[in-house]
C-alpha atoms as a PDB file:
ATOM      1  CA  MET A   1     -23.727  15.253 -35.098  1.00  0.00           C
ATOM      2  CA  SER A   2     -24.468  14.890 -38.811  1.00  0.00           C
ATOM      3  CA  ASP A   3     -26.848  11.707 -38.114  1.00  0.00           C
ATOM      4  CA  GLY A   4     -28.892  14.343 -35.909  1.00  0.00           C
ATOM      5  CA  THR A   5     -27.464  13.151 -32.458  1.00  0.00           C
ATOM      6  CA  ARG A   6     -26.835  15.796 -30.134  1.00  0.00           C
ATOM      7  CA  LEU A   7     -24.242  15.531 -27.503  1.00  0.00           C
ATOM      8  CA  SER A   8     -24.151  17.406 -24.087  1.00  0.00           C
ATOM      9  CA  ALA A   9     -21.254  19.696 -23.089  1.00  0.00           C
ATOM     10  CA  ARG A  10     -19.705  22.338 -20.657  1.00  0.00           C
ATOM     11  CA  ILE A  11     -17.930  25.174 -22.168  1.00  0.00           C
ATOM     12  CA  TRP A  12     -15.809  27.510 -20.344  1.00  0.00           C
ATOM     13  CA  LEU A  13     -14.685  30.840 -22.251  1.00  0.00           C
ATOM     14  CA  PRO A  14     -12.911  33.669 -21.077  1.00  0.00           C
ATOM     15  CA  VAL A  15     -15.031  36.414 -20.881  1.00  0.00           C
ATOM     16  CA  ASP A  16     -13.777  38.425 -24.010  1.00  0.00           C
ATOM     17  CA  ALA A  17     -13.407  35.380 -26.378  1.00  0.00           C
ATOM     18  CA  ARG A  18     -15.882  36.299 -28.709  1.00  0.00           C
ATOM     19  CA  GLU A  19     -14.017  39.565 -29.436  1.00  0.00           C
ATOM     20  CA  LYS A  20     -10.382  37.982 -29.049  1.00  0.00           C
ATOM     21  CA  PRO A  21     -10.788  34.126 -30.155  1.00  0.00           C
ATOM     22  CA  VAL A  22      -9.093  31.547 -28.408  1.00  0.00           C
ATOM     23  CA  PRO A  23      -7.810  28.307 -28.740  1.00  0.00           C
ATOM     24  CA  ALA A  24      -9.742  25.319 -27.229  1.00  0.00           C
ATOM     25  CA  ILE A  25      -8.820  22.459 -25.167  1.00  0.00           C
ATOM     26  CA  LEU A  26     -11.157  19.146 -25.473  1.00  0.00           C
ATOM     27  CA  GLU A  27     -11.958  16.593 -22.833  1.00  0.00           C
ATOM     28  CA  TYR A  28     -13.995  13.838 -24.157  1.00  0.00           C
ATOM     29  CA  LEU A  29     -15.648  11.292 -21.760  1.00  0.00           C
ATOM     30  CA  PRO A  30     -18.506   8.876 -20.649  1.00  0.00           C
ATOM     31  CA  TYR A  31     -18.311  10.016 -17.118  1.00  0.00           C
ATOM     32  CA  ARG A  32     -21.358  12.436 -16.732  1.00  0.00           C
ATOM     33  CA  HIS A  33     -20.213  16.059 -16.745  1.00  0.00           C
ATOM     34  CA  ARG A  34     -23.561  17.018 -14.680  1.00  0.00           C
ATOM     35  CA  ASP A  35     -22.760  14.816 -11.730  1.00  0.00           C
ATOM     36  CA  GLY A  36     -20.372  12.513 -12.082  1.00  0.00           C
ATOM     37  CA  THR A  37     -17.138  14.676 -12.880  1.00  0.00           C
ATOM     38  CA  TYR A  38     -18.725  18.263 -12.182  1.00  0.00           C
ATOM     39  CA  VAL A  39     -16.511  19.246  -9.301  1.00  0.00           C
ATOM     40  CA  ARG A  40     -13.255  17.943 -10.618  1.00  0.00           C
ATOM     41  CA  ASP A  41     -14.068  19.542 -13.942  1.00  0.00           C
ATOM     42  CA  ASN A  42     -14.372  22.986 -12.564  1.00  0.00           C
ATOM     43  CA  GLY A  43     -10.777  22.992 -11.310  1.00  0.00           C
ATOM     44  CA  ILE A  44      -9.415  22.194 -14.723  1.00  0.00           C
ATOM     45  CA  HIS A  45     -11.310  23.590 -17.193  1.00  0.00           C
ATOM     46  CA  ALA A  46     -12.085  26.956 -15.090  1.00  0.00           C
ATOM     47  CA  TYR A  47      -8.152  27.278 -14.810  1.00  0.00           C
ATOM     48  CA  PHE A  48      -7.469  26.580 -18.668  1.00  0.00           C
ATOM     49  CA  ALA A  49     -10.608  29.343 -19.226  1.00  0.00           C
ATOM     50  CA  GLY A  50      -9.054  31.879 -17.043  1.00  0.00           C
ATOM     51  CA  HIS A  51      -5.680  31.323 -18.851  1.00  0.00           C
ATOM     52  CA  GLY A  52      -6.942  32.273 -22.129  1.00  0.00           C
ATOM     53  CA  TYR A  53      -8.723  29.100 -23.416  1.00  0.00           C
ATOM     54  CA  ALA A  54     -12.117  27.648 -24.670  1.00  0.00           C
ATOM     55  CA  SER A  55     -12.183  24.643 -22.602  1.00  0.00           C
ATOM     56  CA  LEU A  56     -15.138  22.114 -23.094  1.00  0.00           C
ATOM     57  CA  ARG A  57     -16.058  18.787 -21.062  1.00  0.00           C
ATOM     58  CA  VAL A  58     -18.199  16.621 -23.602  1.00  0.00           C
ATOM     59  CA  ASP A  59     -20.298  13.620 -22.847  1.00  0.00           C
ATOM     60  CA  ILE A  60     -19.696  10.623 -25.217  1.00  0.00           C
ATOM     61  CA  ARG A  61     -23.020   9.613 -27.080  1.00  0.00           C
ATOM     62  CA  GLY A  62     -24.793   7.566 -24.846  1.00  0.00           C
ATOM     63  CA  SER A  63     -23.557   8.787 -21.490  1.00  0.00           C
ATOM     64  CA  GLY A  64     -24.732  11.624 -19.485  1.00  0.00           C
ATOM     65  CA  GLU A  65     -27.386  14.184 -21.417  1.00  0.00           C
ATOM     66  CA  SER A  66     -25.791  13.021 -24.763  1.00  0.00           C
ATOM     67  CA  GLU A  67     -28.482  11.566 -26.934  1.00  0.00           C
ATOM     68  CA  GLY A  68     -27.928   7.858 -28.140  1.00  0.00           C
ATOM     69  CA  VAL A  69     -26.871   4.715 -26.524  1.00  0.00           C
ATOM     70  CA  LEU A  70     -23.074   3.595 -25.543  1.00  0.00           C
ATOM     71  CA  ILE A  71     -22.611   0.250 -25.852  1.00  0.00           C
ATOM     72  CA  ASP A  72     -18.711  -0.282 -25.517  1.00  0.00           C
ATOM     73  CA  GLU A  73     -15.408   1.325 -25.058  1.00  0.00           C
ATOM     74  CA  TYR A  74     -13.305   3.534 -27.640  1.00  0.00           C
ATOM     75  CA  LEU A  75     -16.130   2.491 -30.759  1.00  0.00           C
ATOM     76  CA  LYS A  76     -15.339   3.920 -33.863  1.00  0.00           C
ATOM     77  CA  GLN A  77     -18.449   5.927 -33.443  1.00  0.00           C
ATOM     78  CA  GLU A  78     -17.026   7.430 -30.759  1.00  0.00           C
ATOM     79  CA  GLN A  79     -13.776   8.558 -32.612  1.00  0.00           C
ATOM     80  CA  ASP A  80     -16.289   9.663 -35.472  1.00  0.00           C
ATOM     81  CA  ASP A  81     -18.204  11.811 -33.222  1.00  0.00           C
ATOM     82  CA  ALA A  82     -14.811  13.351 -31.523  1.00  0.00           C
ATOM     83  CA  LEU A  83     -13.747  14.516 -35.197  1.00  0.00           C
ATOM     84  CA  GLU A  84     -17.191  16.216 -35.552  1.00  0.00           C
ATOM     85  CA  VAL A  85     -16.786  17.755 -32.123  1.00  0.00           C
ATOM     86  CA  ILE A  86     -13.341  19.167 -32.916  1.00  0.00           C
ATOM     87  CA  ALA A  87     -14.305  20.544 -36.350  1.00  0.00           C
ATOM     88  CA  TRP A  88     -17.298  22.134 -34.567  1.00  0.00           C
ATOM     89  CA  ILE A  89     -15.059  23.807 -31.784  1.00  0.00           C
ATOM     90  CA  ALA A  90     -12.995  24.999 -34.573  1.00  0.00           C
ATOM     91  CA  ARG A  91     -15.926  27.098 -36.333  1.00  0.00           C
ATOM     92  CA  GLN A  92     -16.936  28.561 -33.366  1.00  0.00           C
ATOM     93  CA  PRO A  93     -16.635  32.401 -33.670  1.00  0.00           C
ATOM     94  CA  TRP A  94     -14.524  32.082 -30.025  1.00  0.00           C
ATOM     95  CA  SER A  95     -11.850  29.976 -31.445  1.00  0.00           C
ATOM     96  CA  THR A  96      -8.855  30.581 -33.322  1.00  0.00           C
ATOM     97  CA  GLY A  97      -9.344  27.041 -34.920  1.00  0.00           C
ATOM     98  CA  LYS A  98      -6.250  25.295 -32.842  1.00  0.00           C
ATOM     99  CA  VAL A  99      -7.544  22.312 -30.812  1.00  0.00           C
ATOM    100  CA  GLY A 100      -5.756  20.340 -27.841  1.00  0.00           C
ATOM    101  CA  MET A 101      -7.311  17.140 -26.588  1.00  0.00           C
ATOM    102  CA  MET A 102      -6.480  15.980 -23.030  1.00  0.00           C
ATOM    103  CA  GLY A 103      -7.920  13.068 -20.627  1.00  0.00           C
ATOM    104  CA  ILE A 104      -7.031  10.860 -17.778  1.00  0.00           C
ATOM    105  CA  SER A 105      -7.834   7.007 -18.569  1.00  0.00           C
ATOM    106  CA  TRP A 106     -10.703   7.136 -20.779  1.00  0.00           C
ATOM    107  CA  GLY A 107     -10.054  10.353 -21.851  1.00  0.00           C
ATOM    108  CA  GLY A 108      -6.096   9.626 -22.398  1.00  0.00           C
ATOM    109  CA  PHE A 109      -6.997   6.718 -24.400  1.00  0.00           C
ATOM    110  CA  ASN A 110      -9.531   8.612 -26.798  1.00  0.00           C
ATOM    111  CA  ALA A 111      -7.089  11.551 -26.920  1.00  0.00           C
ATOM    112  CA  LEU A 112      -4.415   9.115 -28.446  1.00  0.00           C
ATOM    113  CA  GLN A 113      -6.986   7.376 -30.977  1.00  0.00           C
ATOM    114  CA  VAL A 114      -8.033  10.742 -32.333  1.00  0.00           C
ATOM    115  CA  ALA A 115      -4.979  11.891 -32.724  1.00  0.00           C
ATOM    116  CA  ALA A 116      -4.519   8.640 -35.050  1.00  0.00           C
ATOM    117  CA  ARG A 117      -7.318   9.890 -37.070  1.00  0.00           C
ATOM    118  CA  ARG A 118      -5.557  13.182 -37.733  1.00  0.00           C
ATOM    119  CA  PRO A 119      -8.326  15.799 -37.524  1.00  0.00           C
ATOM    120  CA  PRO A 120      -6.270  18.745 -38.918  1.00  0.00           C
ATOM    121  CA  GLU A 121      -7.420  21.031 -36.118  1.00  0.00           C
ATOM    122  CA  LEU A 122      -5.778  19.031 -33.568  1.00  0.00           C
ATOM    123  CA  LYS A 123      -2.445  20.148 -32.911  1.00  0.00           C
ATOM    124  CA  ALA A 124      -1.236  18.609 -29.646  1.00  0.00           C
ATOM    125  CA  ILE A 125      -2.659  16.363 -26.833  1.00  0.00           C
ATOM    126  CA  ILE A 126      -1.909  15.284 -23.334  1.00  0.00           C
ATOM    127  CA  THR A 127      -2.559  11.594 -22.266  1.00  0.00           C
ATOM    128  CA  VAL A 128      -2.619  10.881 -18.843  1.00  0.00           C
ATOM    129  CA  ASP A 129      -2.726   7.080 -17.394  1.00  0.00           C
ATOM    130  CA  SER A 130      -3.818   5.618 -20.643  1.00  0.00           C
ATOM    131  CA  THR A 131      -2.043   2.688 -22.880  1.00  0.00           C
ATOM    132  CA  ASP A 132      -1.301   2.325 -26.417  1.00  0.00           C
ATOM    133  CA  ASP A 133      -2.448  -1.151 -26.342  1.00  0.00           C
ATOM    134  CA  ARG A 134      -5.722  -2.158 -25.340  1.00  0.00           C
ATOM    135  CA  TYR A 135      -4.787  -5.909 -24.905  1.00  0.00           C
ATOM    136  CA  THR A 136      -1.113  -5.972 -23.196  1.00  0.00           C
ATOM    137  CA  ASP A 137      -1.613  -3.001 -20.872  1.00  0.00           C
ATOM    138  CA  ASP A 138      -5.550  -2.645 -19.666  1.00  0.00           C
ATOM    139  CA  ALA A 139      -8.115  -3.101 -17.258  1.00  0.00           C
ATOM    140  CA  HIS A 140      -9.110  -6.732 -18.924  1.00  0.00           C
ATOM    141  CA  TYR A 141      -5.810  -8.416 -19.770  1.00  0.00           C
ATOM    142  CA  MET A 142      -2.407  -7.767 -19.180  1.00  0.00           C
ATOM    143  CA  GLY A 143       0.621  -9.800 -20.184  1.00  0.00           C
ATOM    144  CA  GLY A 144      -2.290 -12.186 -21.669  1.00  0.00           C
ATOM    145  CA  ALA A 145      -3.686 -12.574 -18.223  1.00  0.00           C
ATOM    146  CA  LEU A 146      -7.321 -12.135 -17.283  1.00  0.00           C
ATOM    147  CA  LEU A 147      -7.435  -9.290 -14.546  1.00  0.00           C
ATOM    148  CA  GLY A 148      -9.990  -9.326 -11.862  1.00  0.00           C
ATOM    149  CA  GLU A 149     -10.853  -5.642 -12.698  1.00  0.00           C
ATOM    150  CA  ASN A 150     -12.147  -7.001 -16.157  1.00  0.00           C
ATOM    151  CA  MET A 151     -15.287  -7.914 -14.249  1.00  0.00           C
ATOM    152  CA  GLY A 152     -15.201  -4.922 -11.443  1.00  0.00           C
ATOM    153  CA  TRP A 153     -14.694  -2.286 -13.850  1.00  0.00           C
ATOM    154  CA  GLY A 154     -17.376  -4.159 -16.401  1.00  0.00           C
ATOM    155  CA  CYS A 155     -20.190  -4.088 -13.719  1.00  0.00           C
ATOM    156  CA  ALA A 156     -19.130  -0.506 -12.904  1.00  0.00           C
ATOM    157  CA  PHE A 157     -19.420   0.610 -16.490  1.00  0.00           C
ATOM    158  CA  PHE A 158     -22.750  -1.185 -17.044  1.00  0.00           C
ATOM    159  CA  MET A 159     -24.373   0.397 -14.050  1.00  0.00           C
ATOM    160  CA  GLN A 160     -23.079   3.794 -14.967  1.00  0.00           C
ATOM    161  CA  GLN A 161     -24.296   3.677 -18.307  1.00  0.00           C
ATOM    162  CA  GLY A 162     -27.781   2.353 -17.193  1.00  0.00           C
ATOM    163  CA  ARG A 163     -28.444   5.747 -15.386  1.00  0.00           C
ATOM    164  CA  ALA A 164     -31.015   8.212 -16.649  1.00  0.00           C
ATOM    165  CA  PRO A 165     -30.288  11.728 -18.146  1.00  0.00           C
ATOM    166  CA  ASP A 166     -30.917  14.696 -16.409  1.00  0.00           C
ATOM    167  CA  PRO A 167     -34.323  16.158 -17.055  1.00  0.00           C
ATOM    168  CA  ALA A 168     -33.082  19.755 -16.355  1.00  0.00           C
ATOM    169  CA  VAL A 169     -31.369  19.502 -19.343  1.00  0.00           C
ATOM    170  CA  VAL A 170     -32.943  17.120 -21.625  1.00  0.00           C
ATOM    171  CA  GLY A 171     -36.670  17.755 -20.676  1.00  0.00           C
ATOM    172  CA  SER A 172     -39.765  15.287 -21.114  1.00  0.00           C
ATOM    173  CA  ARG A 173     -37.659  13.193 -22.874  1.00  0.00           C
ATOM    174  CA  TRP A 174     -35.352  11.865 -20.340  1.00  0.00           C
ATOM    175  CA  LEU A 175     -37.737   8.887 -19.669  1.00  0.00           C
ATOM    176  CA  GLU A 176     -37.352   7.716 -23.371  1.00  0.00           C
ATOM    177  CA  MET A 177     -33.833   8.233 -23.527  1.00  0.00           C
ATOM    178  CA  TRP A 178     -33.538   5.947 -20.355  1.00  0.00           C
ATOM    179  CA  LYS A 179     -35.667   3.260 -21.399  1.00  0.00           C
ATOM    180  CA  GLN A 180     -33.678   3.337 -24.949  1.00  0.00           C
ATOM    181  CA  ARG A 181     -30.394   2.862 -22.553  1.00  0.00           C
ATOM    182  CA  LEU A 182     -32.086   0.222 -20.436  1.00  0.00           C
ATOM    183  CA  LYS A 183     -32.972  -1.992 -23.422  1.00  0.00           C
ATOM    184  CA  THR A 184     -30.004  -1.641 -25.619  1.00  0.00           C
ATOM    185  CA  ILE A 185     -27.007  -1.471 -23.497  1.00  0.00           C
ATOM    186  CA  PRO A 186     -25.415  -5.129 -23.328  1.00  0.00           C
ATOM    187  CA  HIS A 187     -23.194  -6.577 -20.545  1.00  0.00           C
ATOM    188  CA  PRO A 188     -19.840  -5.449 -21.440  1.00  0.00           C
ATOM    189  CA  VAL A 189     -18.027  -8.361 -19.650  1.00  0.00           C
ATOM    190  CA  GLU A 190     -19.512 -11.075 -21.825  1.00  0.00           C
ATOM    191  CA  ARG A 191     -18.100  -9.174 -25.107  1.00  0.00           C
ATOM    192  CA  TRP A 192     -14.454  -8.719 -23.207  1.00  0.00           C
ATOM    193  CA  MET A 193     -14.400 -12.410 -21.984  1.00  0.00           C
ATOM    194  CA  SER A 194     -15.372 -13.770 -25.477  1.00  0.00           C
ATOM    195  CA  HIS A 195     -11.952 -12.149 -26.842  1.00  0.00           C
ATOM    196  CA  GLN A 196      -9.320 -14.034 -24.785  1.00  0.00           C
ATOM    197  CA  THR A 197      -6.301 -13.265 -27.026  1.00  0.00           C
ATOM    198  CA  ARG A 198      -4.902 -10.170 -28.508  1.00  0.00           C
ATOM    199  CA  ASP A 199      -7.392 -10.342 -32.016  1.00  0.00           C
ATOM    200  CA  ALA A 200      -8.795  -7.518 -34.114  1.00  0.00           C
ATOM    201  CA  PHE A 201     -11.104  -6.426 -31.130  1.00  0.00           C
ATOM    202  CA  TRP A 202      -8.043  -5.214 -28.835  1.00  0.00           C
ATOM    203  CA  ARG A 203      -6.399  -3.971 -31.815  1.00  0.00           C
ATOM    204  CA  HIS A 204      -8.993  -1.285 -32.367  1.00  0.00           C
ATOM    205  CA  GLY A 205      -7.995   1.526 -30.713  1.00  0.00           C
ATOM    206  CA  SER A 206      -4.297   0.333 -29.944  1.00  0.00           C
ATOM    207  CA  VAL A 207      -2.499   3.026 -31.386  1.00  0.00           C
ATOM    208  CA  SER A 208       0.527   0.492 -31.213  1.00  0.00           C
ATOM    209  CA  GLU A 209      -0.643  -0.683 -34.137  1.00  0.00           C
ATOM    210  CA  ASN A 210       0.732   2.065 -36.153  1.00  0.00           C
ATOM    211  CA  PHE A 211       2.579   4.606 -34.307  1.00  0.00           C
ATOM    212  CA  GLY A 212       3.048   6.966 -37.412  1.00  0.00           C
ATOM    213  CA  ALA A 213      -0.658   7.686 -37.510  1.00  0.00           C
ATOM    214  CA  ILE A 214      -0.245   9.977 -35.088  1.00  0.00           C
ATOM    215  CA  ARG A 215       1.371  13.359 -36.335  1.00  0.00           C
ATOM    216  CA  CYS A 216       0.458  16.001 -33.452  1.00  0.00           C
ATOM    217  CA  ALA A 217       2.393  16.582 -30.674  1.00  0.00           C
ATOM    218  CA  VAL A 218       2.054  14.356 -27.488  1.00  0.00           C
ATOM    219  CA  TYR A 219       2.469  14.387 -23.893  1.00  0.00           C
ATOM    220  CA  ALA A 220       2.021  11.372 -22.047  1.00  0.00           C
ATOM    221  CA  ILE A 221       2.042  11.448 -18.080  1.00  0.00           C
ATOM    222  CA  GLY A 222       1.485   8.508 -15.773  1.00  0.00           C
ATOM    223  CA  GLY A 223       2.406   7.546 -12.267  1.00  0.00           C
ATOM    224  CA  TRP A 224       4.759   4.343 -10.966  1.00  0.00           C
ATOM    225  CA  GLU A 225       1.748   3.460  -8.887  1.00  0.00           C
ATOM    226  CA  ASP A 226      -0.598   3.194 -11.933  1.00  0.00           C
ATOM    227  CA  ALA A 227      -1.031   0.050 -14.456  1.00  0.00           C
ATOM    228  CA  TYR A 228      -0.406   2.119 -17.492  1.00  0.00           C
ATOM    229  CA  THR A 229       3.210   3.081 -16.742  1.00  0.00           C
ATOM    230  CA  ASN A 230       4.385   0.697 -19.625  1.00  0.00           C
ATOM    231  CA  ALA A 231       2.660   2.727 -22.236  1.00  0.00           C
ATOM    232  CA  ILE A 232       4.339   5.789 -21.471  1.00  0.00           C
ATOM    233  CA  LEU A 233       8.064   4.445 -22.572  1.00  0.00           C
ATOM    234  CA  ARG A 234       6.322   2.615 -25.587  1.00  0.00           C
ATOM    235  CA  LEU A 235       5.051   5.910 -26.861  1.00  0.00           C
ATOM    236  CA  MET A 236       8.308   7.524 -26.328  1.00  0.00           C
ATOM    237  CA  ARG A 237      10.099   4.588 -28.410  1.00  0.00           C
ATOM    238  CA  GLY A 238       7.252   4.623 -31.156  1.00  0.00           C
ATOM    239  CA  LEU A 239       6.017   7.660 -31.973  1.00  0.00           C
ATOM    240  CA  ASP A 240       7.794  10.068 -34.570  1.00  0.00           C
ATOM    241  CA  ALA A 241       5.781  12.931 -33.830  1.00  0.00           C
ATOM    242  CA  PRO A 242       6.994  15.955 -31.154  1.00  0.00           C
ATOM    243  CA  ARG A 243       6.770  13.948 -27.596  1.00  0.00           C
ATOM    244  CA  LYS A 244       7.520  14.231 -24.081  1.00  0.00           C
ATOM    245  CA  ALA A 245       6.978  12.152 -21.083  1.00  0.00           C
ATOM    246  CA  LEU A 246       6.384  12.308 -17.228  1.00  0.00           C
ATOM    247  CA  ILE A 247       6.171   9.784 -14.597  1.00  0.00           C
ATOM    248  CA  GLY A 248       5.767  10.362 -10.969  1.00  0.00           C
ATOM    249  CA  PRO A 249       5.109   8.792  -7.554  1.00  0.00           C
ATOM    250  CA  TRP A 250       1.207   9.029  -8.117  1.00  0.00           C
ATOM    251  CA  ALA A 251      -1.582   6.487  -8.786  1.00  0.00           C
ATOM    252  CA  HIS A 252      -4.291   6.577 -11.281  1.00  0.00           C
ATOM    253  CA  THR A 253      -5.124  10.206 -10.918  1.00  0.00           C
ATOM    254  CA  TYR A 254      -4.200  13.747 -12.067  1.00  0.00           C
ATOM    255  CA  PRO A 255      -1.253  14.370 -10.783  1.00  0.00           C
ATOM    256  CA  HIS A 256      -2.157  18.020  -9.347  1.00  0.00           C
ATOM    257  CA  VAL A 257      -4.521  16.022  -7.012  1.00  0.00           C
ATOM    258  CA  ALA A 258      -2.456  12.966  -5.985  1.00  0.00           C
ATOM    259  CA  ASP A 259      -2.350  11.866  -2.568  1.00  0.00           C
ATOM    260  CA  LEU A 260       1.401  11.670  -2.617  1.00  0.00           C
ATOM    261  CA  ASN A 261       3.641  14.345  -3.619  1.00  0.00           C
ATOM    262  CA  PRO A 262       1.303  15.932  -6.036  1.00  0.00           C
ATOM    263  CA  MET A 263       2.542  18.680  -8.672  1.00  0.00           C
ATOM    264  CA  GLY A 264       1.176  21.368 -10.589  1.00  0.00           C
ATOM    265  CA  PHE A 265      -0.117  19.617 -13.477  1.00  0.00           C
ATOM    266  CA  LEU A 266      -2.406  22.342 -14.787  1.00  0.00           C
ATOM    267  CA  GLN A 267       0.799  24.880 -14.839  1.00  0.00           C
ATOM    268  CA  GLU A 268       2.699  22.184 -16.640  1.00  0.00           C
ATOM    269  CA  ALA A 269      -0.360  21.812 -18.942  1.00  0.00           C
ATOM    270  CA  MET A 270      -0.420  25.377 -19.772  1.00  0.00           C
ATOM    271  CA  ARG A 271       3.188  25.275 -20.660  1.00  0.00           C
ATOM    272  CA  TRP A 272       2.316  22.768 -22.931  1.00  0.00           C
ATOM    273  CA  TRP A 273      -0.542  24.280 -24.355  1.00  0.00           C
ATOM    274  CA  ASP A 274       1.254  27.355 -24.810  1.00  0.00           C
ATOM    275  CA  HIS A 275       3.722  26.101 -27.002  1.00  0.00           C
ATOM    276  CA  TRP A 276       1.624  24.044 -29.169  1.00  0.00           C
ATOM    277  CA  LEU A 277      -1.536  26.244 -29.539  1.00  0.00           C
ATOM    278  CA  LYS A 278      -0.617  29.700 -29.182  1.00  0.00           C
ATOM    279  CA  ASP A 279       3.037  29.375 -30.593  1.00  0.00           C
ATOM    280  CA  ARG A 280       5.067  30.739 -27.191  1.00  0.00           C
ATOM    281  CA  ASP A 281       8.266  29.686 -26.469  1.00  0.00           C
ATOM    282  CA  THR A 282       7.775  28.287 -23.152  1.00  0.00           C
ATOM    283  CA  GLY A 283      10.992  26.272 -23.207  1.00  0.00           C
ATOM    284  CA  ILE A 284       8.986  23.246 -22.519  1.00  0.00           C
ATOM    285  CA  MET A 285      10.455  21.199 -25.927  1.00  0.00           C
ATOM    286  CA  ASP A 286      14.032  22.104 -24.655  1.00  0.00           C
ATOM    287  CA  GLU A 287      13.918  19.887 -21.691  1.00  0.00           C
ATOM    288  CA  PRO A 288      14.390  16.301 -21.854  1.00  0.00           C
ATOM    289  CA  MET A 289      11.923  14.249 -23.754  1.00  0.00           C
ATOM    290  CA  ILE A 290      11.227  11.945 -20.572  1.00  0.00           C
ATOM    291  CA  ARG A 291      11.349  12.864 -16.543  1.00  0.00           C
ATOM    292  CA  ALA A 292      10.717  10.392 -14.087  1.00  0.00           C
END
């Protein structure tokens, strides 16, 4: 990053990407790509690379082996770093300069938030199980009611951010990095409980504040059994950019690994990416805006 902080990433590339540059797909999370999402990432990002894309799983500043400290969700610093990551990707010799961004839950949130910052290299996103409004529909409050999940998720988030980086990646600095995290990270529940109405704290990162800020193509996907379904229809109504929606009988998961009626999410994603990142007519934009 421009301030000298190093972020940790796994990158999957087609074998000939340096000779024949390809578009790139970014998933940007705090959930530790070395151990937290390792198995899941292999299935998703290797598939994209095998179909002609550079695919990247980047740990947010202060998580996993990325340097720095992460003190809360969806900070401006997180978005600023994402803009630098996207610009870095576009400069690489294996990149065509076109980037897509995707993710589920946190990764779906920040895909929308980064899209609203309009990095010129970002052409399309896929947001899965996310929300356009951090107060109305999230793990903290819903319709103004405090959720039990506020405490459950807060404790899990606090515990996760207190984990040490891997010495195999960061070397002897691991202990110094770990101590910095332990000394710095606050318990997030205290902050979330101090904002019990929809104030500026929750409006930050809520793209419903200005749907017009998003100009790239948006594919919003979710499940009827997930808590974030409401946001999908609001996005379809509020966005003026190219957009599509898919809602199925799933819970809070990627559709291809859902317990109930899984679908070929990766194949559907390829149709989306090929249309927006490779300029191929896959027919996806000729179909109805909303499939449920």
